[in-house]
Amino acid sequence: MEGRIAELVAPIAEELGLEVLKVSLSGSHQHRLLKVVVDAAGGVPFDSIARISRGLSLQLDAEDLIDGRYRLEVTSPGLDWPLTTEADFRRHEGELLKVSFTDGTTLSGENLGPCENGVRIALEKGGERLVDMGEVARIVRTVDWKRVTGGGKMDGFKDDDETSEDVIG
């Protein structure tokens, strides 16, 4: 049934520039949850999630695929969603990743994109590492808190001691 639901949601997602990552139906007959996870480079706008939810809901009602009551949840994957495919690494190229290896070590760095058997990571202290997926336990996106809190200089922003000649008003 999840395959058929994925077929129904795929054209809606494609029209909105989104990729369907997962469709799952869980729970008992009285309390079923249909969860659809979608993603796109740069994130998923809320209005796109709402449009998928409305469109899929109408199609499910028309096709009467799910017996009884169910709750439909359309969501984006969030930071803790593991990246595992070439498409994942392409979609999140340029973002900060945390790599956990099977030997218990970790590293963080910028996703430079997929390569044969893995992903290229720009290390925080300089240099680059080719990460072989055979050595990986898990790769997730993470947040560069220095950039978020202003502790590090972000591209396009000036330091406090720099001045701008733009006048607003």
Protein backbone atom coordinates (compact mmCIF):
# COMPACT_ATOMS: atom_id res chain seq x y z
CA MET A 1 0.00 0.00 0.00
CA GLU A 2 2.87 2.40 0.75
CA GLY A 3 4.09 1.92 -2.83
CA ARG A 4 0.72 2.97 -4.23
CA ILE A 5 0.60 6.00 -1.91
CA ALA A 6 4.13 6.96 -3.03
CA GLU A 7 2.90 6.81 -6.63
CA LEU A 8 0.06 9.20 -5.74
CA VAL A 9 2.25 11.73 -3.94
CA ALA A 10 5.21 11.68 -6.38
CA PRO A 11 3.68 13.94 -9.08
CA ILE A 12 2.59 16.51 -6.48
CA ALA A 13 6.06 16.54 -4.91
CA GLU A 14 7.76 16.73 -8.30
CA GLU A 15 5.62 19.71 -9.32
CA LEU A 16 6.80 21.50 -6.15
CA GLY A 17 10.46 20.56 -6.70
CA LEU A 18 10.48 18.09 -3.81
CA GLU A 19 11.70 14.53 -3.45
CA VAL A 20 9.68 11.91 -1.56
CA LEU A 21 12.06 10.22 0.87
CA LYS A 22 9.70 7.88 2.69
CA VAL A 23 6.06 6.82 2.91
CA SER A 24 5.02 4.73 5.91
CA LEU A 25 1.71 3.54 7.29
CA SER A 26 1.77 2.41 10.91
CA GLY A 27 -0.48 1.84 13.90
CA SER A 28 -3.59 -0.19 14.57
CA HIS A 29 -6.78 -0.14 12.51
CA GLN A 30 -8.32 2.57 14.76
CA HIS A 31 -5.20 4.75 15.12
CA ARG A 32 -3.28 4.63 11.86
CA LEU A 33 -0.62 7.15 10.92
CA LEU A 34 0.34 7.79 7.30
CA LYS A 35 3.66 9.64 7.32
CA VAL A 36 5.15 11.16 4.17
CA VAL A 37 8.68 12.63 4.35
CA VAL A 38 9.73 15.06 1.61
CA ASP A 39 12.88 17.11 1.10
CA ALA A 40 14.54 19.61 -1.23
CA ALA A 41 17.83 21.46 -1.45
CA GLY A 42 17.56 24.43 0.88
CA GLY A 43 14.65 22.95 2.82
CA VAL A 44 10.93 22.54 2.33
CA PRO A 45 8.63 25.57 2.49
CA PHE A 46 5.63 25.16 4.76
CA ASP A 47 3.20 25.99 1.97
CA SER A 48 4.61 23.07 -0.06
CA ILE A 49 3.95 20.70 2.83
CA ALA A 50 0.39 22.03 3.08
CA ARG A 51 -0.16 21.60 -0.68
CA ILE A 52 1.08 18.00 -0.60
CA SER A 53 -1.11 17.26 2.40
CA ARG A 54 -4.23 18.68 0.73
CA GLY A 55 -3.56 17.04 -2.64
CA LEU A 56 -2.71 13.63 -1.23
CA SER A 57 -5.68 13.74 1.15
CA LEU A 58 -8.05 14.34 -1.78
CA GLN A 59 -6.49 11.50 -3.78
CA LEU A 60 -6.63 9.08 -0.85
CA ASP A 61 -10.29 9.90 -0.27
CA ALA A 62 -11.08 9.36 -3.96
CA GLU A 63 -9.18 6.05 -4.16
CA ASP A 64 -10.32 4.85 -0.71
CA LEU A 65 -7.01 3.04 -0.16
CA ILE A 66 -6.90 3.07 3.63
CA ASP A 67 -9.62 1.31 5.59
CA GLY A 68 -10.94 3.20 8.61
CA ARG A 69 -9.60 6.38 10.09
CA TYR A 70 -6.04 7.58 9.72
CA ARG A 71 -3.97 10.67 10.38
CA LEU A 72 -1.88 12.10 7.54
CA GLU A 73 1.44 13.70 8.47
CA VAL A 74 3.56 15.34 5.78
CA THR A 75 6.93 16.49 7.06
CA SER A 76 10.52 17.29 6.14
CA PRO A 77 13.31 15.06 7.44
CA GLY A 78 14.96 17.31 10.02
CA LEU A 79 18.63 17.47 10.97
CA ASP A 80 18.75 14.00 12.52
CA TRP A 81 17.64 12.24 9.31
CA PRO A 82 20.59 10.10 8.18
CA LEU A 83 22.09 10.90 4.78
CA THR A 84 22.81 7.67 2.92
CA THR A 85 22.40 8.15 -0.81
CA GLU A 86 24.16 10.11 -3.53
CA ALA A 87 20.95 12.14 -3.93
CA ASP A 88 21.05 13.03 -0.20
CA PHE A 89 24.60 14.34 -0.50
CA ARG A 90 23.80 16.30 -3.67
CA ARG A 91 20.67 17.81 -2.09
CA HIS A 92 22.58 18.96 1.01
CA GLU A 93 25.83 20.00 -0.66
CA GLY A 94 27.45 22.94 1.13
CA GLU A 95 25.83 22.11 4.47
CA LEU A 96 27.67 21.13 7.63
CA LEU A 97 27.70 17.38 8.32
CA LYS A 98 28.58 15.27 11.33
CA VAL A 99 30.05 11.88 10.42
CA SER A 100 30.04 9.05 12.97
CA PHE A 101 32.33 6.18 12.02
CA THR A 102 31.92 2.51 12.89
CA ASP A 103 35.05 2.72 15.09
CA GLY A 104 33.36 5.34 17.32
CA THR A 105 35.21 8.41 16.03
CA THR A 106 33.47 11.46 14.56
CA LEU A 107 34.27 14.40 12.35
CA SER A 108 32.42 17.48 11.19
CA GLY A 109 32.83 19.44 8.02
CA GLU A 110 31.20 20.90 4.95
CA ASN A 111 29.61 18.51 2.48
CA LEU A 112 31.49 18.95 -0.81
CA GLY A 113 29.27 16.41 -2.54
CA PRO A 114 29.19 12.74 -3.37
CA CYS A 115 32.11 10.81 -4.80
CA GLU A 116 32.68 7.18 -5.68
CA ASN A 117 31.84 5.05 -2.59
CA GLY A 118 31.14 8.05 -0.37
CA VAL A 119 31.23 11.77 0.18
CA ARG A 120 33.87 14.52 0.20
CA ILE A 121 34.09 16.57 3.40
CA ALA A 122 35.92 19.91 3.86
CA LEU A 123 37.37 19.64 7.34
CA GLU A 124 36.85 22.46 9.84
CA LYS A 125 40.60 22.88 10.40
CA GLY A 126 41.38 22.86 6.68
CA GLY A 127 41.89 20.16 4.13
CA GLU A 128 39.50 17.64 2.71
CA ARG A 129 38.65 14.02 3.44
CA LEU A 130 37.03 11.41 1.25
CA VAL A 131 34.67 9.49 3.52
CA ASP A 132 34.08 5.88 2.49
CA MET A 133 30.49 4.87 3.31
CA GLY A 134 31.79 1.43 4.32
CA GLU A 135 33.42 3.08 7.36
CA VAL A 136 30.35 5.13 8.33
CA ALA A 137 27.84 4.36 11.05
CA ARG A 138 25.78 7.51 10.44
CA ILE A 139 25.97 10.90 8.70
CA VAL A 140 23.58 13.69 9.65
CA ARG A 141 23.35 17.41 9.02
CA THR A 142 24.33 19.66 11.89
CA VAL A 143 24.29 23.34 12.78
CA ASP A 144 27.29 25.66 12.78
CA TRP A 145 26.38 27.46 16.01
CA LYS A 146 29.16 30.03 15.53
CA ARG A 147 27.43 31.24 12.37
CA VAL A 148 23.96 31.08 13.89
CA THR A 149 24.90 33.04 17.01
CA GLY A 150 27.20 35.48 15.25
CA GLY A 151 30.36 34.01 16.80
CA GLY A 152 31.82 33.48 13.35
CA LYS A 153 31.78 35.69 10.29
CA MET A 154 29.17 34.62 7.77
CA ASP A 155 29.60 35.20 4.07
CA GLY A 156 27.89 38.41 3.08
CA PHE A 157 28.02 39.95 6.57
CA LYS A 158 30.48 42.58 7.73
CA ASP A 159 32.46 42.49 10.98
CA ASP A 160 31.37 44.99 13.64
CA ASP A 161 34.41 47.18 12.95
CA GLU A 162 33.61 47.43 9.24
CA THR A 163 31.27 50.12 8.03
CA SER A 164 28.75 50.18 5.27
CA GLU A 165 28.14 53.09 2.98
CA ASP A 166 24.55 52.05 2.34
CA VAL A 167 22.07 54.54 3.78
CA ILE A 168 18.61 53.33 4.67
CA GLY A 169 15.85 55.74 5.36
